[in-house]
C-alpha atoms as a PDB file:
ATOM      1  CA  UNK A   1     130.843 111.637  65.795  1.00  0.00           C
ATOM      2  CA  UNK A   2     130.505 108.668  67.879  1.00  0.00           C
ATOM      3  CA  UNK A   3     128.602 105.621  66.497  1.00  0.00           C
ATOM      4  CA  UNK A   4     125.908 106.224  69.007  1.00  0.00           C
ATOM      5  CA  UNK A   5     125.459 109.863  68.061  1.00  0.00           C
ATOM      6  CA  UNK A   6     125.423 109.109  64.304  1.00  0.00           C
ATOM      7  CA  UNK A   7     122.924 106.275  64.891  1.00  0.00           C
ATOM      8  CA  UNK A   8     120.591 108.671  67.021  1.00  0.00           C
ATOM      9  CA  UNK A   9     120.829 111.305  64.266  1.00  0.00           C
ATOM     10  CA  UNK A  10     119.665 108.637  61.759  1.00  0.00           C
ATOM     11  CA  UNK A  11     116.781 107.600  64.116  1.00  0.00           C
ATOM     12  CA  UNK A  12     115.654 111.110  64.490  1.00  0.00           C
ATOM     13  CA  UNK A  13     115.744 111.760  60.767  1.00  0.00           C
ATOM     14  CA  UNK A  14     113.236 108.828  60.424  1.00  0.00           C
ATOM     15  CA  UNK A  15     110.823 110.780  62.845  1.00  0.00           C
ATOM     16  CA  UNK A  16     109.072 114.086  62.543  1.00  0.00           C
ATOM     17  CA  UNK A  17     110.875 115.353  65.684  1.00  0.00           C
ATOM     18  CA  UNK A  18     113.240 118.357  65.761  1.00  0.00           C
ATOM     19  CA  UNK A  19     116.093 117.814  68.063  1.00  0.00           C
ATOM     20  CA  UNK A  20     118.994 120.264  68.283  1.00  0.00           C
ATOM     21  CA  UNK A  21     122.586 119.140  68.299  1.00  0.00           C
ATOM     22  CA  UNK A  22     122.977 120.024  72.051  1.00  0.00           C
ATOM     23  CA  UNK A  23     119.863 117.905  72.823  1.00  0.00           C
ATOM     24  CA  UNK A  24     121.169 114.941  70.932  1.00  0.00           C
ATOM     25  CA  UNK A  25     124.534 115.166  72.660  1.00  0.00           C
ATOM     26  CA  UNK A  26     122.725 115.068  76.006  1.00  0.00           C
ATOM     27  CA  UNK A  27     120.482 112.142  74.937  1.00  0.00           C
ATOM     28  CA  UNK A  28     123.691 110.216  73.958  1.00  0.00           C
ATOM     29  CA  UNK A  29     125.322 111.206  77.150  1.00  0.00           C
ATOM     30  CA  UNK A  30     122.409 109.897  79.056  1.00  0.00           C
ATOM     31  CA  UNK A  31     122.646 106.448  77.305  1.00  0.00           C
ATOM     32  CA  UNK A  32     126.423 106.184  77.814  1.00  0.00           C
ATOM     33  CA  UNK A  33     125.859 106.779  81.567  1.00  0.00           C
ATOM     34  CA  UNK A  34     122.959 104.330  81.685  1.00  0.00           C
ATOM     35  CA  UNK A  35     125.113 101.709  79.921  1.00  0.00           C
ATOM     36  CA  UNK A  36     128.023 102.301  82.392  1.00  0.00           C
ATOM     37  CA  UNK A  37     125.945 102.240  85.489  1.00  0.00           C
ATOM     38  CA  UNK A  38     123.706  99.360  84.272  1.00  0.00           C
ATOM     39  CA  UNK A  39     126.728  96.980  84.545  1.00  0.00           C
ATOM     40  CA  UNK A  40     126.831  97.284  88.346  1.00  0.00           C
ATOM     41  CA  UNK A  41     123.358  98.466  89.249  1.00  0.00           C
ATOM     42  CA  UNK A  42     121.142  96.583  86.793  1.00  0.00           C
ATOM     43  CA  UNK A  43     119.017  99.521  86.056  1.00  0.00           C
ATOM     44  CA  UNK A  44     117.478  98.132  82.755  1.00  0.00           C
ATOM     45  CA  UNK A  45     117.071  94.793  80.935  1.00  0.00           C
ATOM     46  CA  UNK A  46     118.237  96.429  77.767  1.00  0.00           C
ATOM     47  CA  UNK A  47     122.016  95.744  77.669  1.00  0.00           C
ATOM     48  CA  UNK A  48     122.988  97.107  74.238  1.00  0.00           C
ATOM     49  CA  UNK A  49     123.469 100.963  74.054  1.00  0.00           C
ATOM     50  CA  UNK A  50     122.319 100.955  70.406  1.00  0.00           C
ATOM     51  CA  UNK A  51     119.145  99.116  71.539  1.00  0.00           C
ATOM     52  CA  UNK A  52     118.779 101.737  74.251  1.00  0.00           C
ATOM     53  CA  UNK A  53     118.509 104.470  71.653  1.00  0.00           C
ATOM     54  CA  UNK A  54     115.526 102.825  70.170  1.00  0.00           C
ATOM     55  CA  UNK A  55     113.688 101.335  73.220  1.00  0.00           C
ATOM     56  CA  UNK A  56     114.360 104.147  75.747  1.00  0.00           C
ATOM     57  CA  UNK A  57     115.343 107.341  73.872  1.00  0.00           C
ATOM     58  CA  UNK A  58     113.095 107.281  70.832  1.00  0.00           C
ATOM     59  CA  UNK A  59     110.393 105.511  72.639  1.00  0.00           C
ATOM     60  CA  UNK A  60     110.346 108.460  75.274  1.00  0.00           C
ATOM     61  CA  UNK A  61     110.848 111.464  73.024  1.00  0.00           C
ATOM     62  CA  UNK A  62     108.007 110.657  70.567  1.00  0.00           C
ATOM     63  CA  UNK A  63     105.685 111.693  73.428  1.00  0.00           C
ATOM     64  CA  UNK A  64     107.211 115.052  73.548  1.00  0.00           C
ATOM     65  CA  UNK A  65     105.050 116.924  70.963  1.00  0.00           C
ATOM     66  CA  UNK A  66     101.890 115.728  72.896  1.00  0.00           C
ATOM     67  CA  UNK A  67     102.796 117.348  76.315  1.00  0.00           C
ATOM     68  CA  UNK A  68     100.631 120.357  77.145  1.00  0.00           C
ATOM     69  CA  UNK A  69     101.541 122.526  80.230  1.00  0.00           C
ATOM     70  CA  UNK A  70     104.587 123.241  82.198  1.00  0.00           C
ATOM     71  CA  UNK A  71     104.751 120.825  85.242  1.00  0.00           C
ATOM     72  CA  UNK A  72     105.150 117.193  84.967  1.00  0.00           C
ATOM     73  CA  UNK A  73     105.762 114.146  87.148  1.00  0.00           C
ATOM     74  CA  UNK A  74     107.205 110.747  85.840  1.00  0.00           C
ATOM     75  CA  UNK A  75     105.840 108.128  88.322  1.00  0.00           C
ATOM     76  CA  UNK A  76     107.944 104.884  88.667  1.00  0.00           C
ATOM     77  CA  UNK A  77     110.629 106.453  86.535  1.00  0.00           C
ATOM     78  CA  UNK A  78     113.071 103.607  86.953  1.00  0.00           C
ATOM     79  CA  UNK A  79     116.357 104.869  85.573  1.00  0.00           C
ATOM     80  CA  UNK A  80     114.533 108.038  84.434  1.00  0.00           C
ATOM     81  CA  UNK A  81     112.314 107.040  81.612  1.00  0.00           C
ATOM     82  CA  UNK A  82     110.588 108.653  80.065  1.00  0.00           C
ATOM     83  CA  UNK A  83     111.472 111.616  82.303  1.00  0.00           C
ATOM     84  CA  UNK A  84     115.083 112.379  81.536  1.00  0.00           C
ATOM     85  CA  UNK A  85     114.853 112.297  77.663  1.00  0.00           C
ATOM     86  CA  UNK A  86     111.553 114.430  77.898  1.00  0.00           C
ATOM     87  CA  UNK A  87     113.247 116.986  80.217  1.00  0.00           C
ATOM     88  CA  UNK A  88     116.113 117.245  77.609  1.00  0.00           C
ATOM     89  CA  UNK A  89     113.646 117.869  74.880  1.00  0.00           C
ATOM     90  CA  UNK A  90     111.694 120.434  76.918  1.00  0.00           C
ATOM     91  CA  UNK A  91     114.047 122.644  78.836  1.00  0.00           C
ATOM     92  CA  UNK A  92     111.279 125.086  79.315  1.00  0.00           C
ATOM     93  CA  UNK A  93     109.156 122.591  81.318  1.00  0.00           C
ATOM     94  CA  UNK A  94     109.827 121.187  84.770  1.00  0.00           C
ATOM     95  CA  UNK A  95     109.835 117.490  85.700  1.00  0.00           C
ATOM     96  CA  UNK A  96     109.621 115.519  89.023  1.00  0.00           C
ATOM     97  CA  UNK A  97     111.069 111.970  88.521  1.00  0.00           C
ATOM     98  CA  UNK A  98     109.763 109.717  91.310  1.00  0.00           C
ATOM     99  CA  UNK A  99     110.891 106.199  92.169  1.00  0.00           C
ATOM    100  CA  UNK A 100     110.919 104.220  95.431  1.00  0.00           C
ATOM    101  CA  UNK A 101     114.444 102.711  94.836  1.00  0.00           C
ATOM    102  CA  UNK A 102     117.437 104.638  96.085  1.00  0.00           C
ATOM    103  CA  UNK A 103     119.851 103.324  93.495  1.00  0.00           C
ATOM    104  CA  UNK A 104     117.647 104.588  90.616  1.00  0.00           C
ATOM    105  CA  UNK A 105     117.334 108.114  92.169  1.00  0.00           C
ATOM    106  CA  UNK A 106     121.205 108.205  92.770  1.00  0.00           C
ATOM    107  CA  UNK A 107     121.650 107.282  89.195  1.00  0.00           C
ATOM    108  CA  UNK A 108     119.378 110.001  87.907  1.00  0.00           C
ATOM    109  CA  UNK A 109     120.960 112.699  90.155  1.00  0.00           C
ATOM    110  CA  UNK A 110     124.422 111.680  88.862  1.00  0.00           C
ATOM    111  CA  UNK A 111     123.021 112.120  85.137  1.00  0.00           C
ATOM    112  CA  UNK A 112     121.577 115.529  86.082  1.00  0.00           C
ATOM    113  CA  UNK A 113     124.985 116.655  87.391  1.00  0.00           C
ATOM    114  CA  UNK A 114     127.167 115.282  84.562  1.00  0.00           C
ATOM    115  CA  UNK A 115     124.887 116.241  81.668  1.00  0.00           C
ATOM    116  CA  UNK A 116     123.847 119.512  83.081  1.00  0.00           C
ATOM    117  CA  UNK A 117     120.085 119.119  83.312  1.00  0.00           C
ATOM    118  CA  UNK A 118     118.489 121.785  85.462  1.00  0.00           C
ATOM    119  CA  UNK A 119     114.754 121.239  85.045  1.00  0.00           C
ATOM    120  CA  UNK A 120     114.514 117.899  86.848  1.00  0.00           C
ATOM    121  CA  UNK A 121     113.920 117.080  90.634  1.00  0.00           C
ATOM    122  CA  UNK A 122     114.666 113.367  91.319  1.00  0.00           C
ATOM    123  CA  UNK A 123     112.841 112.175  94.500  1.00  0.00           C
ATOM    124  CA  UNK A 124     112.884 108.825  96.192  1.00  0.00           C
ATOM    125  CA  UNK A 125     109.398 108.065  97.346  1.00  0.00           C
ATOM    126  CA  UNK A 126     106.478 105.682  96.915  1.00  0.00           C
ATOM    127  CA  UNK A 127     103.845 107.401  94.717  1.00  0.00           C
ATOM    128  CA  UNK A 128     101.034 107.025  97.392  1.00  0.00           C
ATOM    129  CA  UNK A 129     103.263 108.892  99.878  1.00  0.00           C
ATOM    130  CA  UNK A 130     104.347 111.819  97.681  1.00  0.00           C
ATOM    131  CA  UNK A 131     102.230 114.947  97.691  1.00  0.00           C
ATOM    132  CA  UNK A 132     102.824 118.200  96.017  1.00  0.00           C
ATOM    133  CA  UNK A 133     101.299 121.466  97.152  1.00  0.00           C
ATOM    134  CA  UNK A 134     100.957 122.371  93.483  1.00  0.00           C
ATOM    135  CA  UNK A 135      99.363 119.915  91.129  1.00  0.00           C
ATOM    136  CA  UNK A 136     100.825 118.538  87.872  1.00  0.00           C
ATOM    137  CA  UNK A 137      99.897 119.475  84.338  1.00  0.00           C
ATOM    138  CA  UNK A 138     100.697 115.888  83.317  1.00  0.00           C
ATOM    139  CA  UNK A 139     101.360 112.623  85.097  1.00  0.00           C
ATOM    140  CA  UNK A 140     103.459 110.381  83.035  1.00  0.00           C
ATOM    141  CA  UNK A 141     104.136 106.717  83.529  1.00  0.00           C
ATOM    142  CA  UNK A 142     105.279 103.844  81.290  1.00  0.00           C
ATOM    143  CA  UNK A 143     105.838 101.414  84.344  1.00  0.00           C
ATOM    144  CA  UNK A 144     102.357 100.430  85.325  1.00  0.00           C
ATOM    145  CA  UNK A 145     100.861  97.251  84.327  1.00  0.00           C
ATOM    146  CA  UNK A 146      97.361  98.769  83.898  1.00  0.00           C
ATOM    147  CA  UNK A 147      95.810 102.130  83.413  1.00  0.00           C
ATOM    148  CA  UNK A 148      93.432 101.587  86.262  1.00  0.00           C
ATOM    149  CA  UNK A 149      96.460 101.014  88.740  1.00  0.00           C
ATOM    150  CA  UNK A 150      98.047 104.180  87.263  1.00  0.00           C
ATOM    151  CA  UNK A 151      95.099 106.489  87.779  1.00  0.00           C
ATOM    152  CA  UNK A 152      94.207 104.949  91.083  1.00  0.00           C
ATOM    153  CA  UNK A 153      97.697 105.319  92.608  1.00  0.00           C
ATOM    154  CA  UNK A 154      98.270 108.793  91.076  1.00  0.00           C
ATOM    155  CA  UNK A 155      94.923 110.202  91.546  1.00  0.00           C
ATOM    156  CA  UNK A 156      96.212 112.879  93.819  1.00  0.00           C
ATOM    157  CA  UNK A 157      98.841 114.178  91.596  1.00  0.00           C
ATOM    158  CA  UNK A 158      97.253 116.071  88.671  1.00  0.00           C
ATOM    159  CA  UNK A 159      96.040 119.658  88.955  1.00  0.00           C
ATOM    160  CA  UNK A 160      92.332 120.462  88.379  1.00  0.00           C
ATOM    161  CA  UNK A 161      92.890 120.328  84.612  1.00  0.00           C
ATOM    162  CA  UNK A 162      95.818 118.044  84.592  1.00  0.00           C
ATOM    163  CA  UNK A 163      95.935 114.856  82.677  1.00  0.00           C
ATOM    164  CA  UNK A 164      97.470 111.244  82.795  1.00  0.00           C
ATOM    165  CA  UNK A 165      99.819 110.103  80.021  1.00  0.00           C
ATOM    166  CA  UNK A 166     100.090 106.449  79.902  1.00  0.00           C
ATOM    167  CA  UNK A 167     102.708 105.007  77.642  1.00  0.00           C
ATOM    168  CA  UNK A 168     101.462 101.629  76.472  1.00  0.00           C
ATOM    169  CA  UNK A 169     101.990  98.903  73.942  1.00  0.00           C
ATOM    170  CA  UNK A 170      98.682  97.730  72.789  1.00  0.00           C
ATOM    171  CA  UNK A 171      95.503  99.171  74.445  1.00  0.00           C
ATOM    172  CA  UNK A 172      92.644  96.738  74.910  1.00  0.00           C
ATOM    173  CA  UNK A 173      88.917  97.635  75.238  1.00  0.00           C
ATOM    174  CA  UNK A 174      88.924  95.664  78.502  1.00  0.00           C
ATOM    175  CA  UNK A 175      91.544  97.722  80.123  1.00  0.00           C
ATOM    176  CA  UNK A 176      89.599 100.812  79.255  1.00  0.00           C
ATOM    177  CA  UNK A 177      86.336  99.349  80.738  1.00  0.00           C
ATOM    178  CA  UNK A 178      88.144  98.630  83.906  1.00  0.00           C
ATOM    179  CA  UNK A 179      88.889 102.345  84.596  1.00  0.00           C
ATOM    180  CA  UNK A 180      87.318 103.800  87.613  1.00  0.00           C
ATOM    181  CA  UNK A 181      84.152 105.844  87.013  1.00  0.00           C
ATOM    182  CA  UNK A 182      85.873 109.188  87.797  1.00  0.00           C
ATOM    183  CA  UNK A 183      88.318 108.755  84.920  1.00  0.00           C
ATOM    184  CA  UNK A 184      87.842 108.769  81.099  1.00  0.00           C
ATOM    185  CA  UNK A 185      90.080 108.267  78.067  1.00  0.00           C
ATOM    186  CA  UNK A 186      90.468 111.628  76.145  1.00  0.00           C
ATOM    187  CA  UNK A 187      92.411 110.195  73.336  1.00  0.00           C
ATOM    188  CA  UNK A 188      94.593 107.330  72.183  1.00  0.00           C
ATOM    189  CA  UNK A 189      97.505 108.103  69.867  1.00  0.00           C
ATOM    190  CA  UNK A 190      99.543 105.739  67.966  1.00  0.00           C
ATOM    191  CA  UNK A 191     103.222 106.387  68.287  1.00  0.00           C
ATOM    192  CA  UNK A 192     105.630 105.692  65.383  1.00  0.00           C
ATOM    193  CA  UNK A 193     108.926 104.863  66.892  1.00  0.00           C
ATOM    194  CA  UNK A 194     111.739 104.172  64.204  1.00  0.00           C
ATOM    195  CA  UNK A 195     113.199 100.703  64.350  1.00  0.00           C
ATOM    196  CA  UNK A 196     110.886  99.549  67.170  1.00  0.00           C
ATOM    197  CA  UNK A 197     109.094  96.233  66.782  1.00  0.00           C
ATOM    198  CA  UNK A 198     105.539  96.195  68.102  1.00  0.00           C
ATOM    199  CA  UNK A 199     102.843  98.884  68.739  1.00  0.00           C
ATOM    200  CA  UNK A 200     103.242 101.803  70.895  1.00  0.00           C
ATOM    201  CA  UNK A 201     100.404 104.062  72.099  1.00  0.00           C
ATOM    202  CA  UNK A 202     100.044 107.129  74.265  1.00  0.00           C
ATOM    203  CA  UNK A 203      96.733 107.083  76.193  1.00  0.00           C
ATOM    204  CA  UNK A 204      95.694 110.501  77.650  1.00  0.00           C
ATOM    205  CA  UNK A 205      93.220 110.248  80.465  1.00  0.00           C
ATOM    206  CA  UNK A 206      91.404 112.922  82.635  1.00  0.00           C
ATOM    207  CA  UNK A 207      89.219 113.214  85.500  1.00  0.00           C
ATOM    208  CA  UNK A 208      85.542 113.487  84.305  1.00  0.00           C
END
């Protein structure tokens, strides 16, 4: 077993997540590709693959138990975060990964091909220009500076009963107070990410 694989196994053991050996192998494969491509394409500021396991993989997959529904979109996905790890964790759900930068989408498509992920569509588009005939059960993002920006830019994406999942560090009362009138916070869940310094929260929001 590689050092990365054994470290991921250790991190998972410190969480309440159940991750199969096949899923762990795919998550490690994704980190290896991200590390390889990062040298040329500058996809993430995290340079150390072991750090990627904590800051990218664990930080993404802790959200998995909170997902309800079957169709999800990850807006501003960057190199595929949290979308790729969540797709690996939920092979029965479908994910659209959206980003405006071609190099990021090319990387994600390479990952899908090499690792054998079949439940992801990687699409290059600005969020305001992307429309789906069928709404999404969940709109995910960890890229937006504020929740207000997220829900206003992505307001057209959830289905009638769909929700927004905002991955945040700290969540301030001021940020909540700045949300538009049509949107409300359903819940704020503290996320326990093994070995990660600082707070992480998942904010679930819906249309009123």
